[in-house]
Amino acid sequence: MTSFDALADEVAAVESRVADAIFDSVRAQMRDDDAEVAKELERRLSKVRRSLQKAEHLLRVRARTRSSR
């Protein structure tokens, strides 16, 4: 496994934790009266998650490119 693969695995793990936090914020929206705060948190976490997914993809592509040389 290249260092890019290892880094991609770490990014994927962080992305998974962010996905869990998004789920938790959605649950909070459904049960709390102050849903606006949870909704804003969900929006921000969704942006972070998309960025992490892109980073993981780029790292995996880089790892494959490097290993095929």
Foldseek 3Di string as FASTA:
>chain_A
DDPLLVVLVVLVVVLVVLVVLLVVLVVCLVPDPPNVVSVVSNVVSVVVSVVSVVSSVVSVVVVVVVVVD
